[in-house]
C-alpha atoms as a PDB file:
ATOM      1  CA  UNK A   1     -55.636  62.719  86.313  1.00  0.00           C
ATOM      2  CA  UNK A   2     -52.681  60.506  87.153  1.00  0.00           C
ATOM      3  CA  UNK A   3     -49.608  60.697  85.002  1.00  0.00           C
ATOM      4  CA  UNK A   4     -48.474  57.365  83.666  1.00  0.00           C
ATOM      5  CA  UNK A   5     -45.017  56.389  82.455  1.00  0.00           C
ATOM      6  CA  UNK A   6     -45.004  53.234  80.396  1.00  0.00           C
ATOM      7  CA  UNK A   7     -41.781  51.409  79.706  1.00  0.00           C
ATOM      8  CA  UNK A   8     -42.157  49.356  76.539  1.00  0.00           C
ATOM      9  CA  UNK A   9     -39.917  46.296  76.133  1.00  0.00           C
ATOM     10  CA  UNK A  10     -37.110  47.882  78.111  1.00  0.00           C
ATOM     11  CA  UNK A  11     -36.997  45.719  81.234  1.00  0.00           C
ATOM     12  CA  UNK A  12     -33.622  47.005  82.520  1.00  0.00           C
ATOM     13  CA  UNK A  13     -34.845  50.584  82.604  1.00  0.00           C
ATOM     14  CA  UNK A  14     -38.130  49.572  84.199  1.00  0.00           C
ATOM     15  CA  UNK A  15     -36.271  47.703  86.972  1.00  0.00           C
ATOM     16  CA  UNK A  16     -34.089  50.725  87.713  1.00  0.00           C
ATOM     17  CA  UNK A  17     -37.051  53.107  87.808  1.00  0.00           C
ATOM     18  CA  UNK A  18     -39.073  50.659  89.869  1.00  0.00           C
ATOM     19  CA  UNK A  19     -36.434  50.889  92.625  1.00  0.00           C
ATOM     20  CA  UNK A  20     -36.756  54.667  92.900  1.00  0.00           C
ATOM     21  CA  UNK A  21     -40.431  55.101  91.951  1.00  0.00           C
ATOM     22  CA  UNK A  22     -41.397  56.680  95.302  1.00  0.00           C
ATOM     23  CA  UNK A  23     -39.554  59.795  94.096  1.00  0.00           C
ATOM     24  CA  UNK A  24     -41.811  60.162  91.039  1.00  0.00           C
ATOM     25  CA  UNK A  25     -45.108  61.922  90.560  1.00  0.00           C
ATOM     26  CA  UNK A  26     -46.311  59.393  88.012  1.00  0.00           C
ATOM     27  CA  UNK A  27     -47.423  55.792  87.898  1.00  0.00           C
ATOM     28  CA  UNK A  28     -44.897  53.386  86.418  1.00  0.00           C
ATOM     29  CA  UNK A  29     -45.947  50.455  84.198  1.00  0.00           C
ATOM     30  CA  UNK A  30     -44.209  47.919  81.987  1.00  0.00           C
ATOM     31  CA  UNK A  31     -45.736  46.780  78.667  1.00  0.00           C
ATOM     32  CA  UNK A  32     -44.461  43.951  76.538  1.00  0.00           C
ATOM     33  CA  UNK A  33     -47.282  43.734  73.997  1.00  0.00           C
ATOM     34  CA  UNK A  34     -48.064  46.355  71.329  1.00  0.00           C
ATOM     35  CA  UNK A  35     -51.792  45.723  71.738  1.00  0.00           C
ATOM     36  CA  UNK A  36     -51.617  47.268  75.193  1.00  0.00           C
ATOM     37  CA  UNK A  37     -50.339  50.470  73.572  1.00  0.00           C
ATOM     38  CA  UNK A  38     -53.222  50.629  71.091  1.00  0.00           C
ATOM     39  CA  UNK A  39     -55.658  51.353  73.907  1.00  0.00           C
ATOM     40  CA  UNK A  40     -53.722  54.405  75.102  1.00  0.00           C
ATOM     41  CA  UNK A  41     -54.886  56.619  72.251  1.00  0.00           C
ATOM     42  CA  UNK A  42     -58.459  55.323  72.472  1.00  0.00           C
ATOM     43  CA  UNK A  43     -58.872  55.608  76.248  1.00  0.00           C
ATOM     44  CA  UNK A  44     -58.456  59.401  76.227  1.00  0.00           C
ATOM     45  CA  UNK A  45     -55.638  59.005  78.708  1.00  0.00           C
ATOM     46  CA  UNK A  46     -53.973  62.308  78.014  1.00  0.00           C
ATOM     47  CA  UNK A  47     -51.188  62.279  80.582  1.00  0.00           C
ATOM     48  CA  UNK A  48     -48.967  59.386  79.610  1.00  0.00           C
ATOM     49  CA  UNK A  49     -45.543  58.881  78.101  1.00  0.00           C
ATOM     50  CA  UNK A  50     -44.040  55.744  76.606  1.00  0.00           C
ATOM     51  CA  UNK A  51     -40.322  55.065  76.729  1.00  0.00           C
ATOM     52  CA  UNK A  52     -39.095  52.788  73.961  1.00  0.00           C
ATOM     53  CA  UNK A  53     -35.800  51.781  72.424  1.00  0.00           C
ATOM     54  CA  UNK A  54     -37.070  52.457  68.885  1.00  0.00           C
ATOM     55  CA  UNK A  55     -39.835  54.576  67.401  1.00  0.00           C
ATOM     56  CA  UNK A  56     -43.294  53.028  67.331  1.00  0.00           C
ATOM     57  CA  UNK A  57     -45.785  54.036  64.672  1.00  0.00           C
ATOM     58  CA  UNK A  58     -49.207  55.425  65.625  1.00  0.00           C
ATOM     59  CA  UNK A  59     -48.097  56.516  69.071  1.00  0.00           C
ATOM     60  CA  UNK A  60     -47.893  60.219  69.768  1.00  0.00           C
ATOM     61  CA  UNK A  61     -46.316  60.499  73.194  1.00  0.00           C
ATOM     62  CA  UNK A  62     -43.130  58.512  73.128  1.00  0.00           C
ATOM     63  CA  UNK A  63     -39.551  59.063  74.156  1.00  0.00           C
ATOM     64  CA  UNK A  64     -36.917  57.044  72.372  1.00  0.00           C
ATOM     65  CA  UNK A  65     -33.913  56.092  74.484  1.00  0.00           C
ATOM     66  CA  UNK A  66     -31.668  54.065  72.272  1.00  0.00           C
ATOM     67  CA  UNK A  67     -28.351  54.776  73.976  1.00  0.00           C
ATOM     68  CA  UNK A  68     -27.323  53.547  77.351  1.00  0.00           C
ATOM     69  CA  UNK A  69     -26.203  54.192  79.921  1.00  0.00           C
ATOM     70  CA  UNK A  70     -28.260  57.324  80.509  1.00  0.00           C
ATOM     71  CA  UNK A  71     -27.810  59.583  83.490  1.00  0.00           C
ATOM     72  CA  UNK A  72     -30.868  59.155  85.724  1.00  0.00           C
ATOM     73  CA  UNK A  73     -31.063  62.914  86.402  1.00  0.00           C
ATOM     74  CA  UNK A  74     -31.061  63.601  82.659  1.00  0.00           C
ATOM     75  CA  UNK A  75     -33.805  61.015  82.193  1.00  0.00           C
ATOM     76  CA  UNK A  76     -35.963  62.547  84.934  1.00  0.00           C
ATOM     77  CA  UNK A  77     -35.486  65.991  83.393  1.00  0.00           C
ATOM     78  CA  UNK A  78     -36.555  64.644  79.976  1.00  0.00           C
ATOM     79  CA  UNK A  79     -39.637  63.047  81.543  1.00  0.00           C
ATOM     80  CA  UNK A  80     -40.632  66.205  83.420  1.00  0.00           C
ATOM     81  CA  UNK A  81     -40.258  68.357  80.314  1.00  0.00           C
ATOM     82  CA  UNK A  82     -42.324  65.956  78.230  1.00  0.00           C
ATOM     83  CA  UNK A  83     -45.088  65.699  80.839  1.00  0.00           C
ATOM     84  CA  UNK A  84     -45.217  69.511  81.000  1.00  0.00           C
ATOM     85  CA  UNK A  85     -45.384  69.796  77.195  1.00  0.00           C
ATOM     86  CA  UNK A  86     -48.171  67.243  77.110  1.00  0.00           C
ATOM     87  CA  UNK A  87     -50.155  69.113  79.760  1.00  0.00           C
ATOM     88  CA  UNK A  88     -49.647  72.449  77.965  1.00  0.00           C
ATOM     89  CA  UNK A  89     -50.871  71.022  74.664  1.00  0.00           C
ATOM     90  CA  UNK A  90     -53.916  69.390  76.275  1.00  0.00           C
ATOM     91  CA  UNK A  91     -54.883  72.576  78.109  1.00  0.00           C
ATOM     92  CA  UNK A  92     -54.670  74.607  74.923  1.00  0.00           C
ATOM     93  CA  UNK A  93     -57.450  72.652  73.210  1.00  0.00           C
ATOM     94  CA  UNK A  94     -61.027  73.766  73.832  1.00  0.00           C
ATOM     95  CA  UNK A  95     -63.959  71.596  72.787  1.00  0.00           C
ATOM     96  CA  UNK A  96     -66.727  73.735  71.318  1.00  0.00           C
ATOM     97  CA  UNK A  97     -68.985  70.854  70.339  1.00  0.00           C
ATOM     98  CA  UNK A  98     -68.947  71.191  66.567  1.00  0.00           C
ATOM     99  CA  UNK A  99     -65.416  72.574  66.560  1.00  0.00           C
ATOM    100  CA  UNK A 100     -62.132  72.487  68.433  1.00  0.00           C
ATOM    101  CA  UNK A 101     -60.237  75.643  69.259  1.00  0.00           C
ATOM    102  CA  UNK A 102     -56.470  75.532  69.696  1.00  0.00           C
ATOM    103  CA  UNK A 103     -55.577  78.448  71.952  1.00  0.00           C
ATOM    104  CA  UNK A 104     -51.885  78.365  71.035  1.00  0.00           C
ATOM    105  CA  UNK A 105     -52.408  78.799  67.299  1.00  0.00           C
ATOM    106  CA  UNK A 106     -55.911  80.388  67.533  1.00  0.00           C
ATOM    107  CA  UNK A 107     -57.171  77.912  64.957  1.00  0.00           C
ATOM    108  CA  UNK A 108     -60.769  76.736  64.917  1.00  0.00           C
ATOM    109  CA  UNK A 109     -61.036  73.365  63.256  1.00  0.00           C
ATOM    110  CA  UNK A 110     -63.559  70.783  62.254  1.00  0.00           C
ATOM    111  CA  UNK A 111     -62.283  67.562  60.720  1.00  0.00           C
ATOM    112  CA  UNK A 112     -59.638  68.690  58.211  1.00  0.00           C
ATOM    113  CA  UNK A 113     -60.871  72.276  57.798  1.00  0.00           C
ATOM    114  CA  UNK A 114     -59.128  75.046  59.719  1.00  0.00           C
ATOM    115  CA  UNK A 115     -59.952  78.689  60.285  1.00  0.00           C
ATOM    116  CA  UNK A 116     -57.447  81.145  61.703  1.00  0.00           C
ATOM    117  CA  UNK A 117     -58.951  83.497  64.284  1.00  0.00           C
ATOM    118  CA  UNK A 118     -57.849  86.778  65.776  1.00  0.00           C
ATOM    119  CA  UNK A 119     -57.181  87.042  69.497  1.00  0.00           C
ATOM    120  CA  UNK A 120     -60.523  88.840  70.019  1.00  0.00           C
ATOM    121  CA  UNK A 121     -62.434  86.217  68.038  1.00  0.00           C
ATOM    122  CA  UNK A 122     -60.887  83.465  70.148  1.00  0.00           C
ATOM    123  CA  UNK A 123     -61.717  85.402  73.307  1.00  0.00           C
ATOM    124  CA  UNK A 124     -65.341  85.827  72.209  1.00  0.00           C
ATOM    125  CA  UNK A 125     -65.721  82.078  71.622  1.00  0.00           C
ATOM    126  CA  UNK A 126     -64.075  81.195  74.939  1.00  0.00           C
ATOM    127  CA  UNK A 127     -66.238  83.641  76.871  1.00  0.00           C
ATOM    128  CA  UNK A 128     -69.408  82.356  75.186  1.00  0.00           C
ATOM    129  CA  UNK A 129     -68.318  78.772  75.909  1.00  0.00           C
ATOM    130  CA  UNK A 130     -67.746  79.504  79.594  1.00  0.00           C
ATOM    131  CA  UNK A 131     -71.049  81.306  80.040  1.00  0.00           C
ATOM    132  CA  UNK A 132     -73.992  79.211  81.161  1.00  0.00           C
ATOM    133  CA  UNK A 133     -76.531  81.837  80.076  1.00  0.00           C
ATOM    134  CA  UNK A 134     -76.771  83.931  76.904  1.00  0.00           C
ATOM    135  CA  UNK A 135     -74.297  86.824  76.972  1.00  0.00           C
ATOM    136  CA  UNK A 136     -75.416  90.407  76.485  1.00  0.00           C
ATOM    137  CA  UNK A 137     -73.383  92.848  74.397  1.00  0.00           C
ATOM    138  CA  UNK A 138     -72.356  94.911  77.424  1.00  0.00           C
ATOM    139  CA  UNK A 139     -71.030  91.747  79.123  1.00  0.00           C
ATOM    140  CA  UNK A 140     -68.853  90.985  76.085  1.00  0.00           C
ATOM    141  CA  UNK A 141     -67.686  94.607  76.036  1.00  0.00           C
ATOM    142  CA  UNK A 142     -66.689  94.473  79.653  1.00  0.00           C
ATOM    143  CA  UNK A 143     -65.155  90.972  79.794  1.00  0.00           C
ATOM    144  CA  UNK A 144     -63.539  90.648  76.354  1.00  0.00           C
ATOM    145  CA  UNK A 145     -62.685  94.283  75.573  1.00  0.00           C
ATOM    146  CA  UNK A 146     -62.500  95.674  79.097  1.00  0.00           C
ATOM    147  CA  UNK A 147     -64.828  98.544  78.124  1.00  0.00           C
ATOM    148  CA  UNK A 148     -67.380 100.235  80.315  1.00  0.00           C
ATOM    149  CA  UNK A 149     -70.968  99.436  79.280  1.00  0.00           C
ATOM    150  CA  UNK A 150     -71.670 103.128  78.611  1.00  0.00           C
ATOM    151  CA  UNK A 151     -69.579 103.035  75.428  1.00  0.00           C
ATOM    152  CA  UNK A 152     -70.879 102.310  71.935  1.00  0.00           C
ATOM    153  CA  UNK A 153     -71.853  98.680  71.372  1.00  0.00           C
ATOM    154  CA  UNK A 154     -71.124  98.518  67.637  1.00  0.00           C
ATOM    155  CA  UNK A 155     -67.606  97.167  68.218  1.00  0.00           C
ATOM    156  CA  UNK A 156     -68.959  93.959  69.733  1.00  0.00           C
ATOM    157  CA  UNK A 157     -71.727  93.584  67.164  1.00  0.00           C
ATOM    158  CA  UNK A 158     -69.276  94.131  64.307  1.00  0.00           C
ATOM    159  CA  UNK A 159     -66.806  91.577  65.667  1.00  0.00           C
ATOM    160  CA  UNK A 160     -69.513  88.966  66.217  1.00  0.00           C
ATOM    161  CA  UNK A 161     -70.916  89.627  62.735  1.00  0.00           C
ATOM    162  CA  UNK A 162     -67.472  89.183  61.139  1.00  0.00           C
ATOM    163  CA  UNK A 163     -66.776  86.047  63.192  1.00  0.00           C
ATOM    164  CA  UNK A 164     -70.104  84.527  62.153  1.00  0.00           C
ATOM    165  CA  UNK A 165     -69.336  85.360  58.519  1.00  0.00           C
ATOM    166  CA  UNK A 166     -65.865  83.776  58.702  1.00  0.00           C
ATOM    167  CA  UNK A 167     -67.312  80.603  60.234  1.00  0.00           C
ATOM    168  CA  UNK A 168     -70.094  80.464  57.659  1.00  0.00           C
ATOM    169  CA  UNK A 169     -67.680  81.066  54.752  1.00  0.00           C
ATOM    170  CA  UNK A 170     -65.313  78.307  55.917  1.00  0.00           C
ATOM    171  CA  UNK A 171     -67.660  75.717  57.455  1.00  0.00           C
ATOM    172  CA  UNK A 172     -71.024  76.674  55.889  1.00  0.00           C
ATOM    173  CA  UNK A 173     -72.428  77.030  59.391  1.00  0.00           C
ATOM    174  CA  UNK A 174     -74.560  80.052  60.209  1.00  0.00           C
ATOM    175  CA  UNK A 175     -76.065  78.428  63.301  1.00  0.00           C
ATOM    176  CA  UNK A 176     -73.002  78.225  65.576  1.00  0.00           C
ATOM    177  CA  UNK A 177     -73.182  81.658  67.228  1.00  0.00           C
ATOM    178  CA  UNK A 178     -76.813  82.322  68.035  1.00  0.00           C
ATOM    179  CA  UNK A 179     -78.349  85.579  69.176  1.00  0.00           C
ATOM    180  CA  UNK A 180     -81.754  86.220  70.601  1.00  0.00           C
ATOM    181  CA  UNK A 181     -83.298  88.829  72.886  1.00  0.00           C
ATOM    182  CA  UNK A 182     -81.370  87.375  75.849  1.00  0.00           C
ATOM    183  CA  UNK A 183     -77.946  87.673  74.155  1.00  0.00           C
ATOM    184  CA  UNK A 184     -75.341  85.607  72.304  1.00  0.00           C
ATOM    185  CA  UNK A 185     -74.622  81.933  72.888  1.00  0.00           C
ATOM    186  CA  UNK A 186     -72.947  78.990  71.175  1.00  0.00           C
ATOM    187  CA  UNK A 187     -74.920  76.202  69.573  1.00  0.00           C
ATOM    188  CA  UNK A 188     -72.508  73.383  70.404  1.00  0.00           C
ATOM    189  CA  UNK A 189     -74.701  70.585  69.077  1.00  0.00           C
ATOM    190  CA  UNK A 190     -72.961  68.575  66.388  1.00  0.00           C
ATOM    191  CA  UNK A 191     -74.230  69.303  62.900  1.00  0.00           C
END
């Protein structure tokens, strides 16, 4: 995905950056109209930043530069840091269909409800999400715990049981982690 830097109503800065844009790893655009900004949040364009002179409401990824002159090297450093932060935040969110998992905080959420998970619980959900086929207990033991399959399997079963119970207690959903004779899998269909 291409990074996009949008300069909003700051023509002088846009003109300066336009002259040196071949040195950037992002696309440079100038917006004059607030309506153009409304589409940013709706288009799922995750890698963008907006530079403005004053704070705009309802816009998450903005950098306010209200003092000039600004050192161009300082500006480029600010942009790089903000693009990296944006990428880190986007990569930490995992879509599990019914829920979203934030890897940084280990919080499973649905709408306004949040459930704090342990590191193992998060790892179980991620492994189940990444698996195309149902996952057997010994696979979870090996991949999530790093155990040899000859060890007792009750650890995995107990963790999955507790995770299911936590999800059911918080979200009233006992159909998210499914088990059958083939193994465990996630039911990612929206409720």
